[in-house]
Amino acid sequence: MDIDKIPPHLLSLENPVLEFNRQIIDATHDLVCAYKPNLAFYEAMGKGGFTVLQETLKLIPKSILTIGDGKRGDIGNTAERYAKSLFDDFGFDSVTVNPYMGFDSVEPFLANREKGAFILALTSNAGSKDFQRLKVGIKPLYEKIVLAAKKWNSNQNVGLVVGATHPNELLRVRKIVPDMPILIPGIGKQSGNLNSSIRCGCDKHGQLAVINASRSIIYASSGKDFAEAARIEAKKMVEKMRMTIEQLNN
């Protein structure tokens, strides 16, 4: 959610962001498996942003996974506070975590078997090439992260983040971790390919991939029909996904 992109007709309301979120959730909740609020946009709103985020999470049906997209990663005692905030205070089901500082920065997010962490492996942005592809010995860094995450998955609550903009690497990751969930951002505005993401990122049953499309759906229209337009775009994507999975299974 970016307040600068909210339809103008909502700006006169007392809480335009919450109303925008409410209408998006109402229009799409039967089509999605997860919602992934980006924490930065709520933090940028100041203390009121935290209230909006908490109220937004209350609007999401309990059957739908919530992912707190904060990409947290700090030393152990700080990571414990981040985990408490996101899991206990906000009530997220899972979070995105940056593993750069090693296992002790990730461990607090894995302690609760009922909560999960998606660990950044190979992100969808252009700058991912700066470090994530660097060779460490004979393997690229992202592959080292995947192998570490696989080792850390003793509670079966670890997933990975691999961008849709890297289909070949996504296929490689899926071969290394055939039974772990993969969050796949980069569909839509970042031009990741949906079909290749499903073919490369799903497991052999066509599952365990969380395809992430945000801006292309929630900002499909800036008019009063924004929620309806979001539903149309989400439904188009779901149909494309179903067709691709059916092709894989035949």
Protein backbone atom coordinates (compact mmCIF):
# COMPACT_ATOMS: atom_id res chain seq x y z
CA MET A 1 0.00 0.00 0.00
CA ASP A 2 1.43 3.38 -1.10
CA ILE A 3 -0.60 6.34 0.13
CA ASP A 4 0.55 8.36 -2.88
CA LYS A 5 -1.26 5.90 -5.16
CA ILE A 6 -4.56 5.72 -3.32
CA PRO A 7 -7.53 6.77 -5.49
CA PRO A 8 -8.17 10.50 -4.97
CA HIS A 9 -11.81 10.03 -3.96
CA LEU A 10 -10.70 8.21 -0.78
CA LEU A 11 -8.40 10.97 0.45
CA SER A 12 -11.21 12.96 2.02
CA LEU A 13 -12.03 10.07 4.37
CA GLU A 14 -10.80 9.97 7.96
CA ASN A 15 -8.72 6.86 7.26
CA PRO A 16 -8.21 6.50 3.49
CA VAL A 17 -5.54 3.78 3.72
CA LEU A 18 -7.66 1.49 5.86
CA GLU A 19 -10.66 1.97 3.58
CA PHE A 20 -8.51 1.21 0.54
CA ASN A 21 -7.23 -1.96 2.20
CA ARG A 22 -10.72 -2.99 3.29
CA GLN A 23 -12.11 -2.74 -0.22
CA ILE A 24 -9.14 -4.60 -1.74
CA ILE A 25 -9.52 -7.42 0.78
CA ASP A 26 -13.28 -7.61 0.27
CA ALA A 27 -12.78 -7.80 -3.49
CA THR A 28 -10.00 -10.41 -3.56
CA HIS A 29 -10.08 -12.59 -0.43
CA ASP A 30 -11.72 -15.53 -2.19
CA LEU A 31 -9.02 -15.53 -4.88
CA VAL A 32 -5.80 -15.38 -2.85
CA CYS A 33 -3.83 -17.63 -0.50
CA ALA A 34 -1.90 -14.84 1.22
CA TYR A 35 -1.62 -11.10 1.83
CA LYS A 36 1.82 -9.55 2.22
CA PRO A 37 1.75 -6.01 3.68
CA ASN A 38 4.99 -4.14 3.12
CA LEU A 39 5.87 -2.75 6.55
CA ALA A 40 7.87 0.20 5.21
CA PHE A 41 4.80 1.98 3.88
CA TYR A 42 3.05 1.74 7.25
CA GLU A 43 6.14 2.74 9.21
CA ALA A 44 6.45 5.82 6.98
CA MET A 45 3.00 6.93 8.20
CA GLY A 46 4.26 7.29 11.77
CA LYS A 47 2.44 5.91 14.80
CA GLY A 48 -0.87 6.03 12.95
CA GLY A 49 0.52 3.59 10.41
CA PHE A 50 0.88 0.86 13.02
CA THR A 51 -2.78 1.25 13.94
CA VAL A 52 -3.79 1.01 10.28
CA LEU A 53 -1.69 -2.13 9.88
CA GLN A 54 -3.22 -3.75 12.96
CA GLU A 55 -6.74 -2.91 11.80
CA THR A 56 -5.96 -4.18 8.30
CA LEU A 57 -4.80 -7.53 9.65
CA LYS A 58 -8.11 -7.87 11.51
CA LEU A 59 -9.92 -7.62 8.16
CA ILE A 60 -8.10 -10.61 6.67
CA PRO A 61 -9.90 -13.95 7.08
CA LYS A 62 -8.08 -16.29 9.46
CA SER A 63 -7.83 -18.94 6.72
CA ILE A 64 -5.56 -16.68 4.64
CA LEU A 65 -1.82 -16.54 5.32
CA THR A 66 -0.40 -13.18 6.36
CA ILE A 67 3.22 -12.34 5.54
CA GLY A 68 4.87 -9.37 7.23
CA ASP A 69 7.23 -8.09 4.57
CA GLY A 70 9.88 -6.30 6.60
CA LYS A 71 12.99 -8.26 5.57
CA ARG A 72 14.22 -8.10 9.16
CA GLY A 73 17.69 -9.30 10.07
CA ASP A 74 19.76 -8.27 13.08
CA ILE A 75 21.74 -9.74 15.99
CA GLY A 76 19.96 -12.27 18.17
CA ASN A 77 18.51 -10.13 20.95
CA THR A 78 17.27 -7.54 18.45
CA ALA A 79 15.85 -10.25 16.21
CA GLU A 80 13.94 -11.59 19.21
CA ARG A 81 12.24 -8.20 19.61
CA TYR A 82 11.41 -8.06 15.91
CA ALA A 83 9.92 -11.55 16.11
CA LYS A 84 7.87 -10.63 19.16
CA SER A 85 6.55 -7.50 17.49
CA LEU A 86 5.58 -9.15 14.23
CA PHE A 87 4.26 -12.44 15.59
CA ASP A 88 2.84 -11.52 19.00
CA ASP A 89 1.85 -7.87 18.71
CA PHE A 90 0.72 -7.72 15.08
CA GLY A 91 -0.15 -11.40 14.76
CA PHE A 92 1.47 -12.15 11.40
CA ASP A 93 1.61 -15.81 10.42
CA SER A 94 4.99 -15.40 8.74
CA VAL A 95 7.63 -12.82 7.88
CA THR A 96 10.39 -12.16 5.38
CA VAL A 97 13.89 -12.36 6.88
CA ASN A 98 17.31 -11.24 5.68
CA PRO A 99 19.90 -13.94 6.55
CA TYR A 100 23.00 -11.79 5.94
CA MET A 101 24.00 -11.80 9.63
CA GLY A 102 23.72 -15.58 9.97
CA PHE A 103 21.72 -18.12 11.92
CA ASP A 104 21.43 -16.22 15.20
CA SER A 105 19.66 -13.39 13.33
CA VAL A 106 17.17 -15.86 11.83
CA GLU A 107 16.65 -18.28 14.73
CA PRO A 108 14.14 -16.16 16.74
CA PHE A 109 11.78 -16.20 13.76
CA LEU A 110 11.84 -20.00 13.65
CA ALA A 111 11.37 -20.77 17.35
CA ASN A 112 7.57 -20.94 17.16
CA ARG A 113 6.51 -23.93 15.06
CA GLU A 114 3.19 -22.21 14.33
CA LYS A 115 4.93 -19.24 12.68
CA GLY A 116 7.11 -19.13 9.59
CA ALA A 117 9.93 -17.21 7.94
CA PHE A 118 10.63 -16.70 4.25
CA ILE A 119 14.39 -16.24 3.96
CA LEU A 120 15.75 -14.03 1.19
CA ALA A 121 17.76 -16.15 -1.21
CA LEU A 122 17.67 -14.46 -4.64
CA THR A 123 15.55 -11.33 -4.79
CA SER A 124 13.75 -9.94 -7.82
CA ASN A 125 15.38 -6.49 -7.92
CA ALA A 126 18.15 -5.56 -10.38
CA GLY A 127 20.69 -5.13 -7.56
CA SER A 128 20.41 -8.80 -6.60
CA LYS A 129 23.36 -9.42 -8.93
CA ASP A 130 25.66 -7.27 -6.81
CA PHE A 131 26.09 -9.84 -4.01
CA GLN A 132 23.63 -12.72 -4.26
CA ARG A 133 25.22 -14.22 -7.37
CA LEU A 134 28.82 -13.91 -6.19
CA LYS A 135 30.67 -17.22 -6.02
CA VAL A 136 31.55 -18.57 -2.60
CA GLY A 137 33.88 -21.40 -3.50
CA ILE A 138 32.18 -23.13 -6.41
CA LYS A 139 28.62 -22.10 -5.50
CA PRO A 140 26.89 -18.71 -5.78
CA LEU A 141 25.98 -17.06 -2.50
CA TYR A 142 22.23 -17.51 -3.02
CA GLU A 143 22.72 -21.27 -3.27
CA LYS A 144 24.70 -21.28 -0.02
CA ILE A 145 21.74 -19.50 1.61
CA VAL A 146 19.32 -22.09 0.24
CA LEU A 147 21.42 -24.93 1.65
CA ALA A 148 21.64 -23.18 5.03
CA ALA A 149 17.88 -22.59 5.10
CA LYS A 150 17.31 -26.25 4.34
CA LYS A 151 19.49 -27.15 7.33
CA TRP A 152 17.65 -24.66 9.58
CA ASN A 153 14.23 -26.10 8.70
CA SER A 154 14.02 -28.51 11.66
CA ASN A 155 10.59 -27.11 12.63
CA GLN A 156 9.30 -27.28 9.06
CA ASN A 157 8.51 -23.57 9.08
CA VAL A 158 11.15 -22.15 6.72
CA GLY A 159 10.48 -20.88 3.23
CA LEU A 160 12.59 -19.03 0.68
CA VAL A 161 12.24 -15.88 -1.38
CA VAL A 162 13.33 -16.30 -4.99
CA GLY A 163 12.38 -13.69 -7.58
CA ALA A 164 10.34 -14.46 -10.69
CA THR A 165 12.97 -12.53 -12.62
CA HIS A 166 15.39 -15.48 -12.20
CA PRO A 167 13.58 -18.53 -13.68
CA ASN A 168 16.69 -20.67 -14.22
CA GLU A 169 17.89 -20.11 -10.67
CA LEU A 170 14.37 -20.68 -9.38
CA LEU A 171 14.37 -24.10 -11.01
CA ARG A 172 17.75 -24.84 -9.42
CA VAL A 173 16.46 -23.82 -5.99
CA ARG A 174 13.38 -26.00 -6.36
CA LYS A 175 15.59 -29.00 -7.11
CA ILE A 176 17.63 -28.35 -3.96
CA VAL A 177 14.55 -27.92 -1.75
CA PRO A 178 11.73 -29.96 -3.32
CA ASP A 179 9.55 -29.77 -0.21
CA MET A 180 9.96 -26.17 0.98
CA PRO A 181 7.61 -23.28 0.14
CA ILE A 182 8.98 -20.55 -2.10
CA LEU A 183 7.67 -16.99 -2.12
CA ILE A 184 8.07 -15.68 -5.67
CA PRO A 185 7.88 -11.87 -6.03
CA GLY A 186 8.43 -9.94 -9.24
CA ILE A 187 5.31 -10.81 -11.23
CA GLY A 188 3.65 -7.77 -12.78
CA LYS A 189 5.49 -4.46 -12.54
CA GLN A 190 8.90 -6.16 -12.34
CA SER A 191 8.09 -8.19 -15.48
CA GLY A 192 8.64 -11.66 -14.04
CA ASN A 193 7.01 -14.38 -16.15
CA LEU A 194 4.07 -16.12 -14.50
CA ASN A 195 4.23 -19.35 -16.50
CA SER A 196 7.95 -19.89 -15.93
CA SER A 197 7.56 -19.05 -12.24
CA ILE A 198 4.96 -21.79 -11.85
CA ARG A 199 6.87 -24.31 -13.96
CA CYS A 200 10.14 -23.65 -12.17
CA GLY A 201 8.92 -22.77 -8.68
CA CYS A 202 6.13 -25.24 -7.90
CA ASP A 203 6.79 -28.69 -6.52
CA LYS A 204 5.92 -31.83 -8.50
CA HIS A 205 2.28 -31.48 -7.46
CA GLY A 206 1.99 -27.89 -8.67
CA GLN A 207 2.07 -26.55 -5.11
CA LEU A 208 4.35 -24.88 -2.53
CA ALA A 209 4.82 -21.69 -4.55
CA VAL A 210 3.36 -18.40 -3.32
CA ILE A 211 3.15 -16.18 -6.41
CA ASN A 212 3.37 -12.54 -5.36
CA ALA A 213 1.77 -9.80 -7.48
CA SER A 214 1.05 -6.52 -5.74
CA ARG A 215 1.12 -3.25 -7.66
CA SER A 216 -0.25 -4.68 -10.88
CA ILE A 217 -3.37 -5.77 -9.00
CA ILE A 218 -4.09 -3.28 -6.23
CA TYR A 219 -3.34 -0.28 -8.45
CA ALA A 220 -5.08 -1.63 -11.55
CA SER A 221 -7.31 1.47 -11.41
CA SER A 222 -7.07 4.82 -9.67
CA GLY A 223 -10.78 5.47 -10.00
CA LYS A 224 -13.82 4.58 -7.95
CA ASP A 225 -13.74 1.12 -9.55
CA PHE A 226 -10.31 0.33 -8.07
CA ALA A 227 -11.52 -2.65 -6.03
CA GLU A 228 -13.44 -4.13 -8.95
CA ALA A 229 -10.42 -3.63 -11.21
CA ALA A 230 -8.19 -5.34 -8.63
CA ARG A 231 -10.54 -8.33 -8.55
CA ILE A 232 -10.52 -8.57 -12.35
CA GLU A 233 -6.71 -8.57 -12.46
CA ALA A 234 -6.44 -11.09 -9.61
CA LYS A 235 -8.97 -13.37 -11.29
CA LYS A 236 -7.06 -13.21 -14.58
CA MET A 237 -3.89 -14.26 -12.78
CA VAL A 238 -5.62 -17.13 -10.97
CA GLU A 239 -7.01 -18.44 -14.25
CA LYS A 240 -3.58 -18.28 -15.88
CA MET A 241 -2.10 -20.14 -12.92
CA ARG A 242 -4.75 -22.85 -13.10
CA MET A 243 -4.17 -23.37 -16.82
CA THR A 244 -0.41 -23.66 -16.37
CA ILE A 245 -0.76 -26.13 -13.47
CA GLU A 246 -3.21 -28.23 -15.47
CA GLN A 247 -0.69 -28.37 -18.32
CA LEU A 248 2.00 -29.49 -15.87
CA ASN A 249 -0.19 -32.28 -14.52
CA ASN A 250 -1.17 -33.61 -17.96
